[in-house]
Amino acid sequence: MKIAVSDAEAHLADLLRRARSGDERELTSAGEPNGRLLPPKRGDDPAARRALIDDICAAAAAKAVPGPSAARSQDFLYDPETGLPARSSQTRPLSLQR
């Protein structure tokens, strides 16, 4: 159904309510098409969304490369005998090294 832009401005709330319920309107200016008011797109099917997520996870798992564990990645900062911070020039910030 066609409606003039000037009329649409006066009845915008009603037009939006109708659009939400599935109604489409063509907006005209001086009788010429100027735009369309369409209902919002509905979300994807939950099963389709779940399948897409599963596909993405499977693709990521196939690309994953095993590497070293980060669980003990900072052990070099500590003395293995005392467990205290190591006293070496390698662990000091460059600004403090001589």
Protein backbone atom coordinates (compact mmCIF):
# COMPACT_ATOMS: atom_id res chain seq x y z
CA MET A 1 0.00 0.00 0.00
CA LYS A 2 1.29 3.48 -0.86
CA ILE A 3 1.35 6.36 1.60
CA ALA A 4 2.66 9.91 1.21
CA VAL A 5 5.69 10.84 3.30
CA SER A 6 3.77 13.76 4.82
CA ASP A 7 0.99 11.39 5.94
CA ALA A 8 3.54 8.86 7.19
CA GLU A 9 5.09 11.50 9.44
CA ALA A 10 1.72 12.14 11.07
CA HIS A 11 1.00 8.42 11.60
CA LEU A 12 4.49 7.05 12.22
CA ALA A 13 3.69 5.20 15.45
CA ASP A 14 0.76 3.41 13.81
CA LEU A 15 2.82 2.55 10.70
CA LEU A 16 5.61 1.10 12.81
CA ARG A 17 3.13 -1.02 14.77
CA ARG A 18 1.70 -2.33 11.50
CA ALA A 19 5.18 -3.02 10.13
CA ARG A 20 6.01 -5.11 13.21
CA SER A 21 2.94 -7.21 12.47
CA GLY A 22 4.08 -7.81 8.87
CA ASP A 23 2.52 -4.95 6.89
CA GLU A 24 4.59 -3.31 4.12
CA ARG A 25 4.15 0.31 3.02
CA GLU A 26 5.64 2.22 0.09
CA LEU A 27 6.44 5.83 0.94
CA THR A 28 5.84 8.33 -1.85
CA SER A 29 6.68 11.96 -2.44
CA ALA A 30 4.70 13.79 -5.13
CA GLY A 31 3.35 10.39 -6.22
CA GLU A 32 6.86 8.97 -6.86
CA PRO A 33 8.23 6.07 -4.79
CA ASN A 34 10.63 7.36 -2.17
CA GLY A 35 11.17 4.38 0.13
CA ARG A 36 9.60 1.38 1.79
CA LEU A 37 8.62 0.57 5.33
CA LEU A 38 9.19 -3.16 5.85
CA PRO A 39 8.63 -5.55 8.75
CA PRO A 40 11.76 -6.44 10.73
CA LYS A 41 13.58 -9.61 9.74
CA ARG A 42 13.02 -12.51 12.07
CA GLY A 43 15.98 -14.20 13.77
CA ASP A 44 17.43 -17.43 12.51
CA ASP A 45 16.09 -20.80 13.51
CA PRO A 46 17.79 -21.81 16.82
CA ALA A 47 18.74 -25.21 15.38
CA ALA A 48 20.37 -23.56 12.37
CA ARG A 49 22.25 -21.15 14.66
CA ARG A 50 23.47 -24.06 16.83
CA ALA A 51 24.63 -25.95 13.70
CA LEU A 52 26.56 -22.89 12.51
CA ILE A 53 28.26 -22.49 15.90
CA ASP A 54 29.19 -26.19 15.90
CA ASP A 55 30.67 -25.86 12.40
CA ILE A 56 32.75 -22.86 13.46
CA CYS A 57 34.01 -24.68 16.57
CA ALA A 58 34.95 -27.74 14.54
CA ALA A 59 36.82 -25.61 11.99
CA ALA A 60 38.70 -23.81 14.79
CA ALA A 61 39.61 -27.09 16.48
CA ALA A 62 40.98 -28.42 13.17
CA LYS A 63 43.22 -25.36 12.82
CA ALA A 64 44.47 -25.36 16.41
CA VAL A 65 48.16 -26.14 16.81
CA PRO A 66 49.28 -27.57 20.13
CA GLY A 67 51.92 -25.44 21.80
CA PRO A 68 53.68 -25.16 25.12
CA SER A 69 51.56 -24.86 28.20
CA ALA A 70 51.31 -21.35 29.60
CA ALA A 71 50.69 -22.69 33.11
CA ARG A 72 54.34 -22.33 34.09
CA SER A 73 55.44 -19.72 31.56
CA GLN A 74 56.86 -17.32 34.16
CA ASP A 75 58.86 -19.84 36.15
CA PHE A 76 62.12 -18.38 34.77
CA LEU A 77 61.48 -15.29 36.90
CA TYR A 78 61.92 -17.25 40.13
CA ASP A 79 64.88 -19.05 41.65
CA PRO A 80 64.12 -22.80 41.52
CA GLU A 81 65.79 -23.43 44.91
CA THR A 82 64.26 -20.66 47.01
CA GLY A 83 61.13 -19.85 45.07
CA LEU A 84 61.95 -16.15 45.47
CA PRO A 85 62.30 -13.74 42.57
CA ALA A 86 65.53 -14.51 40.72
CA ARG A 87 68.41 -12.07 41.10
CA SER A 88 69.71 -11.91 37.60
CA SER A 89 70.23 -9.04 35.19
CA GLN A 90 67.99 -10.87 32.73
CA THR A 91 64.94 -10.45 34.94
CA ARG A 92 65.48 -6.75 35.73
CA PRO A 93 63.93 -4.07 33.59
CA LEU A 94 66.38 -2.55 31.10
CA SER A 95 66.19 0.77 32.91
CA LEU A 96 67.70 -0.86 36.04
CA GLN A 97 70.41 -2.92 34.31
CA ARG A 98 74.00 -1.64 34.39
